[in-house]
Amino acid sequence: MNRRYQDEIRDLATSIQLQAPRVEEDELARLKETLSPENLGIARADLIIDLLRQPHGRRDATFLPPLAERLGETLGRLFSRGEYPVLGNYLRRLFMALEGHPQENLLTKILSAQFSARDIQTILEHFMEKCRTYEPVETAVIHAVCRLYPRKSAGVLLDIITQAPDEQSPQVRWILTTLSALGPSINLSLERRITRAPDQALPLLLDLAGRSGDRNMARCVAQFLEYQDPQIRLKAIVTLGRLKAESAVPRLGEMALQRSWIRTRKTRVVQEAAIKALGAIGTKDAKALLKQVITRGPADLGALCREFL
């Protein structure tokens, strides 16, 4: 028994000696893996985001832009490798770190250069495919993407509602809310899409133009005052009122003063909308036209005009 015990001890010692180099090799391999460019990039991204979350000092404007460029490179590599869950997590953390940062505009501009409009479309489509209810728990990443890359995201979202303008769907409701929150960033993309949108998408797009409050949109909207579809024409009148578009006052006045032997209900609805738009614009010229409607226009519109004088 003693001999057998000693033999087993020797066998165990031999086994340990054989395994020791393997353990060292495994540890060395793991160490090399942590030093790979991919893992170093991830570690660097963590450090940069942590720095962005720290109290901001005067030197931030000097050393943060180069760090933002490095962070952008890491995000770009994650995208090129298709590591969307990891990329989404970093974009969400980055948005939270930059929100309210003194250098937010500068750093966002630097980071925006990393992704093309097509890249942003790919990222948004990937995460939107997973959304069902569009509750905040589902939209955290796409909300961050839209806020970090507003102009590039706006085009993607506008194309979606142009192709599927179901205002009651959770997706379209979320898109409308998001586009409204993006503010002036969407205006150029919105103007382009309004010009070439199909009829079924125009009411939503005109509504967005009205929400923007940007009077520069008035010229684009005014072209629909002569549109063949009366509902779209009516929507354009309402939108011009919301935009307080002074340039549209003369044409709105003509519509309000229109007289004919046969005055249909549709004509009356258009005239009432024009009067309300003139009242919303509220300039001296607009009020002068309202007074003309009282004296020269259809008698039943006088009471409505007086509400705005």
Protein backbone atom coordinates (compact mmCIF):
# COMPACT_ATOMS: atom_id res chain seq x y z
CA MET A 1 0.00 0.00 0.00
CA ASN A 2 2.87 2.37 0.80
CA ARG A 3 4.47 1.57 -2.53
CA ARG A 4 1.22 2.14 -4.37
CA TYR A 5 0.70 5.43 -2.52
CA GLN A 6 4.21 6.61 -3.46
CA ASP A 7 3.60 5.66 -7.10
CA GLU A 8 0.38 7.70 -7.16
CA ILE A 9 2.19 10.68 -5.63
CA ARG A 10 4.88 10.47 -8.31
CA ASP A 11 2.22 10.23 -11.03
CA LEU A 12 0.44 13.28 -9.61
CA ALA A 13 3.69 15.26 -9.51
CA THR A 14 4.43 14.33 -13.09
CA SER A 15 0.94 15.40 -14.14
CA ILE A 16 1.30 18.80 -12.42
CA GLN A 17 4.65 19.37 -14.11
CA LEU A 18 3.09 18.62 -17.48
CA GLN A 19 0.10 20.92 -16.85
CA ALA A 20 2.11 23.90 -15.57
CA PRO A 21 3.37 25.00 -19.02
CA ARG A 22 -0.17 24.71 -20.40
CA VAL A 23 -1.53 26.97 -17.67
CA GLU A 24 1.19 29.51 -18.38
CA GLU A 25 0.42 29.34 -22.09
CA ASP A 26 -3.30 29.89 -21.45
CA GLU A 27 -2.59 32.87 -19.19
CA LEU A 28 -0.24 34.35 -21.78
CA ALA A 29 -2.85 33.89 -24.51
CA ARG A 30 -5.48 35.62 -22.39
CA LEU A 31 -3.07 38.48 -21.68
CA LYS A 32 -2.32 38.89 -25.39
CA GLU A 33 -6.04 38.92 -26.12
CA THR A 34 -6.64 41.77 -23.67
CA LEU A 35 -3.88 43.73 -25.45
CA SER A 36 -5.45 43.27 -28.91
CA PRO A 37 -6.46 46.47 -30.76
CA GLU A 38 -10.14 45.54 -30.41
CA ASN A 39 -10.04 45.12 -26.63
CA LEU A 40 -7.80 48.14 -26.17
CA GLY A 41 -10.28 50.18 -28.21
CA ILE A 42 -13.15 49.07 -25.98
CA ALA A 43 -11.18 49.90 -22.82
CA ARG A 44 -10.28 53.29 -24.26
CA ALA A 45 -13.94 53.96 -25.14
CA ASP A 46 -14.93 53.21 -21.55
CA LEU A 47 -12.31 55.62 -20.23
CA ILE A 48 -13.31 58.42 -22.64
CA ILE A 49 -17.00 58.14 -21.76
CA ASP A 50 -16.08 58.16 -18.07
CA LEU A 51 -14.07 61.35 -18.67
CA LEU A 52 -17.02 62.98 -20.41
CA ARG A 53 -19.17 62.29 -17.36
CA GLN A 54 -16.73 64.02 -15.00
CA PRO A 55 -17.02 67.70 -13.97
CA HIS A 56 -15.92 69.88 -16.86
CA GLY A 57 -12.82 72.04 -16.66
CA ARG A 58 -11.31 74.76 -18.82
CA ARG A 59 -8.90 72.37 -20.53
CA ASP A 60 -11.73 70.21 -21.93
CA ALA A 61 -11.76 72.14 -25.20
CA THR A 62 -8.11 71.19 -25.75
CA PHE A 63 -7.92 67.49 -24.97
CA LEU A 64 -11.50 66.28 -25.51
CA PRO A 65 -11.69 66.69 -29.34
CA PRO A 66 -8.79 64.25 -29.98
CA LEU A 67 -10.38 61.80 -27.54
CA ALA A 68 -13.71 62.15 -29.37
CA GLU A 69 -11.93 61.24 -32.63
CA ARG A 70 -10.48 58.09 -31.02
CA LEU A 71 -13.88 57.21 -29.62
CA GLY A 72 -15.40 57.66 -33.06
CA GLU A 73 -12.83 55.27 -34.52
CA THR A 74 -13.76 52.62 -31.97
CA LEU A 75 -17.47 53.06 -32.71
CA GLY A 76 -16.71 52.79 -36.42
CA ARG A 77 -14.87 49.49 -35.92
CA LEU A 78 -17.78 48.09 -33.89
CA PHE A 79 -20.10 49.04 -36.75
CA SER A 80 -17.88 47.53 -39.44
CA ARG A 81 -17.68 44.25 -37.48
CA GLY A 82 -21.46 44.19 -37.07
CA GLU A 83 -21.32 44.26 -33.26
CA TYR A 84 -24.59 46.17 -33.00
CA PRO A 85 -25.53 45.33 -29.39
CA VAL A 86 -22.16 46.60 -28.14
CA LEU A 87 -22.32 49.61 -30.46
CA GLY A 88 -25.84 50.46 -29.27
CA ASN A 89 -24.77 50.31 -25.63
CA TYR A 90 -21.89 52.73 -26.25
CA LEU A 91 -24.04 55.12 -28.27
CA ARG A 92 -26.61 55.22 -25.47
CA ARG A 93 -23.91 55.85 -22.84
CA LEU A 94 -22.29 58.48 -25.06
CA PHE A 95 -25.57 60.37 -25.51
CA MET A 96 -26.13 60.42 -21.75
CA ALA A 97 -22.57 61.64 -21.15
CA LEU A 98 -22.80 64.43 -23.75
CA GLU A 99 -26.24 65.72 -22.79
CA GLY A 100 -25.73 69.18 -21.33
CA HIS A 101 -21.95 69.03 -21.78
CA PRO A 102 -20.35 72.47 -22.47
CA GLN A 103 -18.65 71.04 -25.57
CA GLU A 104 -21.69 69.03 -26.71
CA ASN A 105 -22.00 70.68 -30.14
CA LEU A 106 -18.30 70.45 -30.95
CA LEU A 107 -17.92 66.84 -29.81
CA THR A 108 -21.13 65.75 -31.55
CA LYS A 109 -19.87 67.31 -34.78
CA ILE A 110 -16.59 65.39 -34.50
CA LEU A 111 -18.37 62.11 -33.79
CA SER A 112 -20.86 62.68 -36.60
CA ALA A 113 -18.08 62.55 -39.18
CA GLN A 114 -17.50 58.87 -38.36
CA PHE A 115 -20.80 57.63 -39.83
CA SER A 116 -22.38 58.31 -43.21
CA ALA A 117 -26.13 58.75 -43.69
CA ARG A 118 -26.26 55.17 -45.01
CA ASP A 119 -24.48 53.92 -41.86
CA ILE A 120 -27.02 55.67 -39.63
CA GLN A 121 -29.82 54.16 -41.70
CA THR A 122 -28.37 50.68 -41.18
CA ILE A 123 -28.02 51.21 -37.42
CA LEU A 124 -31.55 52.59 -37.02
CA GLU A 125 -33.12 49.86 -39.13
CA HIS A 126 -31.33 47.17 -37.10
CA PHE A 127 -32.68 48.42 -33.78
CA MET A 128 -36.11 49.46 -35.06
CA GLU A 129 -36.71 45.92 -36.30
CA LYS A 130 -36.66 44.83 -32.66
CA CYS A 131 -39.23 47.42 -31.52
CA ARG A 132 -42.85 46.39 -31.09
CA THR A 133 -44.51 48.91 -28.79
CA TYR A 134 -41.94 51.74 -29.10
CA GLU A 135 -42.01 52.24 -25.35
CA PRO A 136 -38.88 53.92 -23.86
CA VAL A 137 -37.35 50.59 -22.86
CA GLU A 138 -37.31 49.63 -26.56
CA THR A 139 -36.28 52.98 -28.00
CA ALA A 140 -33.37 53.93 -25.74
CA VAL A 141 -30.73 53.21 -28.40
CA ILE A 142 -32.56 54.67 -31.42
CA HIS A 143 -33.42 57.76 -29.37
CA ALA A 144 -29.70 58.18 -28.60
CA VAL A 145 -28.77 57.69 -32.28
CA CYS A 146 -31.30 60.32 -33.39
CA ARG A 147 -30.07 62.86 -30.85
CA LEU A 148 -26.39 62.24 -31.61
CA TYR A 149 -26.85 62.30 -35.41
CA PRO A 150 -30.00 64.42 -35.92
CA ARG A 151 -29.61 65.46 -39.56
CA LYS A 152 -28.69 61.99 -40.78
CA SER A 153 -31.41 60.37 -38.69
CA ALA A 154 -34.07 62.83 -39.86
CA GLY A 155 -33.81 61.65 -43.46
CA VAL A 156 -34.23 58.02 -42.42
CA LEU A 157 -37.27 58.71 -40.24
CA LEU A 158 -38.92 60.94 -42.84
CA ASP A 159 -38.52 58.24 -45.48
CA ILE A 160 -40.21 55.72 -43.18
CA ILE A 161 -43.31 57.84 -42.57
CA THR A 162 -43.41 58.83 -46.26
CA GLN A 163 -43.64 55.16 -47.22
CA ALA A 164 -45.99 54.11 -44.40
CA PRO A 165 -47.94 57.14 -43.17
CA ASP A 166 -50.14 55.30 -40.66
CA GLU A 167 -50.45 57.98 -38.00
CA GLN A 168 -51.97 55.52 -35.53
CA SER A 169 -49.10 53.01 -35.55
CA PRO A 170 -46.69 53.07 -32.56
CA GLN A 171 -43.78 53.48 -34.95
CA VAL A 172 -45.15 56.56 -36.72
CA ARG A 173 -46.27 58.17 -33.44
CA TRP A 174 -42.75 57.72 -32.05
CA ILE A 175 -41.19 59.09 -35.25
CA LEU A 176 -43.40 62.19 -35.22
CA THR A 177 -42.56 62.90 -31.60
CA THR A 178 -38.84 62.39 -32.25
CA LEU A 179 -38.77 64.56 -35.37
CA SER A 180 -40.56 67.36 -33.52
CA ALA A 181 -37.95 67.16 -30.75
CA LEU A 182 -35.06 67.38 -33.24
CA GLY A 183 -36.12 70.92 -34.17
CA PRO A 184 -34.38 72.80 -37.02
CA SER A 185 -32.13 69.82 -37.76
CA ILE A 186 -34.90 68.24 -39.83
CA ASN A 187 -35.92 71.25 -41.92
CA LEU A 188 -33.73 70.70 -44.98
CA SER A 189 -34.63 67.00 -45.17
CA LEU A 190 -38.30 67.80 -44.57
CA GLU A 191 -38.43 70.39 -47.35
CA ARG A 192 -36.94 67.95 -49.84
CA ARG A 193 -39.43 65.22 -48.96
CA ILE A 194 -42.47 67.50 -49.01
CA THR A 195 -41.62 68.49 -52.57
CA ARG A 196 -41.67 64.91 -53.88
CA ALA A 197 -43.91 63.09 -51.37
CA PRO A 198 -46.97 61.07 -52.45
CA ASP A 199 -50.37 62.53 -51.58
CA GLN A 200 -51.00 60.13 -48.70
CA ALA A 201 -47.85 61.29 -46.91
CA LEU A 202 -48.35 65.04 -47.38
CA PRO A 203 -50.68 65.66 -44.38
CA LEU A 204 -48.11 64.22 -41.97
CA LEU A 205 -45.22 66.11 -43.56
CA LEU A 206 -47.14 69.40 -43.61
CA ASP A 207 -48.04 68.87 -39.97
CA LEU A 208 -44.33 68.45 -39.18
CA ALA A 209 -43.59 71.66 -41.07
CA GLY A 210 -46.11 73.46 -38.89
CA ARG A 211 -44.64 72.02 -35.72
CA SER A 212 -41.17 73.19 -36.73
CA GLY A 213 -42.17 76.86 -36.41
CA ASP A 214 -39.55 77.72 -39.07
CA ARG A 215 -40.90 80.47 -41.33
CA ASN A 216 -38.39 79.44 -43.99
CA MET A 217 -40.66 76.45 -44.62
CA ALA A 218 -43.45 78.78 -45.76
CA ARG A 219 -42.34 78.92 -49.38
CA CYS A 220 -42.33 75.15 -49.62
CA VAL A 221 -45.76 74.88 -48.00
CA ALA A 222 -47.35 77.70 -50.02
CA GLN A 223 -47.09 75.73 -53.26
CA PHE A 224 -49.87 73.47 -51.96
CA LEU A 225 -52.38 76.33 -51.77
CA GLU A 226 -53.23 75.53 -55.39
CA TYR A 227 -53.11 71.74 -54.98
CA GLN A 228 -55.83 69.67 -56.61
CA ASP A 229 -56.64 67.73 -53.42
CA PRO A 230 -58.83 69.97 -51.20
CA GLN A 231 -57.72 68.25 -47.99
CA ILE A 232 -54.06 68.91 -48.73
CA ARG A 233 -54.91 72.48 -49.74
CA LEU A 234 -56.68 72.93 -46.41
CA LYS A 235 -53.71 71.44 -44.52
CA ALA A 236 -51.37 73.90 -46.27
CA ILE A 237 -53.54 76.85 -45.16
CA VAL A 238 -53.51 75.68 -41.54
CA THR A 239 -49.73 75.10 -41.69
CA LEU A 240 -49.05 78.60 -43.01
CA GLY A 241 -51.04 80.01 -40.11
CA ARG A 242 -48.99 77.98 -37.62
CA LEU A 243 -45.80 79.23 -39.29
CA LYS A 244 -47.07 82.84 -39.13
CA ALA A 245 -46.03 83.11 -42.77
CA GLU A 246 -46.31 86.81 -43.66
CA SER A 247 -45.42 86.05 -47.29
CA ALA A 248 -48.65 84.05 -47.64
CA VAL A 249 -50.94 86.88 -46.44
CA PRO A 250 -51.95 88.19 -49.91
CA ARG A 251 -52.94 84.76 -51.23
CA LEU A 252 -54.77 83.86 -48.01
CA GLY A 253 -56.66 87.15 -48.30
CA GLU A 254 -57.73 86.30 -51.86
CA MET A 255 -59.03 82.94 -50.68
CA ALA A 256 -60.95 84.52 -47.79
CA LEU A 257 -62.51 87.18 -50.06
CA GLN A 258 -63.53 84.77 -52.77
CA ARG A 259 -67.16 85.27 -53.89
CA SER A 260 -69.19 83.17 -56.30
CA TRP A 261 -72.80 82.56 -57.21
CA ILE A 262 -72.49 78.94 -56.13
CA ARG A 263 -70.68 78.72 -52.79
CA THR A 264 -70.16 75.12 -51.74
CA ARG A 265 -69.46 73.79 -48.28
CA LYS A 266 -65.85 73.07 -49.34
CA THR A 267 -65.43 76.71 -50.35
CA ARG A 268 -66.71 77.86 -46.98
CA VAL A 269 -64.33 75.53 -45.12
CA VAL A 270 -61.37 76.87 -47.13
CA GLN A 271 -62.41 80.48 -46.44
CA GLU A 272 -62.77 79.83 -42.71
CA ALA A 273 -59.32 78.20 -42.64
CA ALA A 274 -57.83 81.19 -44.50
CA ILE A 275 -59.41 83.61 -42.00
CA LYS A 276 -58.03 81.63 -39.06
CA ALA A 277 -54.60 81.56 -40.70
CA LEU A 278 -54.70 85.34 -41.18
CA GLY A 279 -55.71 85.72 -37.54
CA ALA A 280 -52.81 83.52 -36.43
CA ILE A 281 -50.33 85.51 -38.53
CA GLY A 282 -51.69 88.68 -36.96
CA THR A 283 -49.69 91.29 -38.88
CA LYS A 284 -51.08 94.72 -39.83
CA ASP A 285 -51.67 93.54 -43.40
CA ALA A 286 -53.39 90.37 -42.21
CA LYS A 287 -55.77 92.34 -40.00
CA ALA A 288 -56.50 94.78 -42.85
CA LEU A 289 -57.59 91.84 -44.99
CA LEU A 290 -59.82 90.55 -42.20
CA LYS A 291 -61.53 93.95 -42.12
CA GLN A 292 -62.04 93.72 -45.89
CA VAL A 293 -63.70 90.33 -45.47
CA ILE A 294 -66.13 91.91 -42.99
CA THR A 295 -67.11 94.66 -45.44
CA ARG A 296 -66.74 92.93 -48.82
CA GLY A 297 -66.70 89.21 -48.16
CA PRO A 298 -69.52 86.74 -47.51
CA ALA A 299 -71.71 88.01 -44.68
CA ASP A 300 -71.55 84.80 -42.64
CA LEU A 301 -67.76 85.13 -42.23
CA GLY A 302 -67.83 88.52 -40.53
CA ALA A 303 -68.30 87.14 -37.02
CA LEU A 304 -65.29 84.86 -37.41
CA CYS A 305 -63.14 87.76 -38.62
CA ARG A 306 -64.10 89.91 -35.64
CA GLU A 307 -62.71 87.25 -33.26
CA PHE A 308 -59.21 88.11 -34.53
CA LEU A 309 -59.53 91.91 -34.47
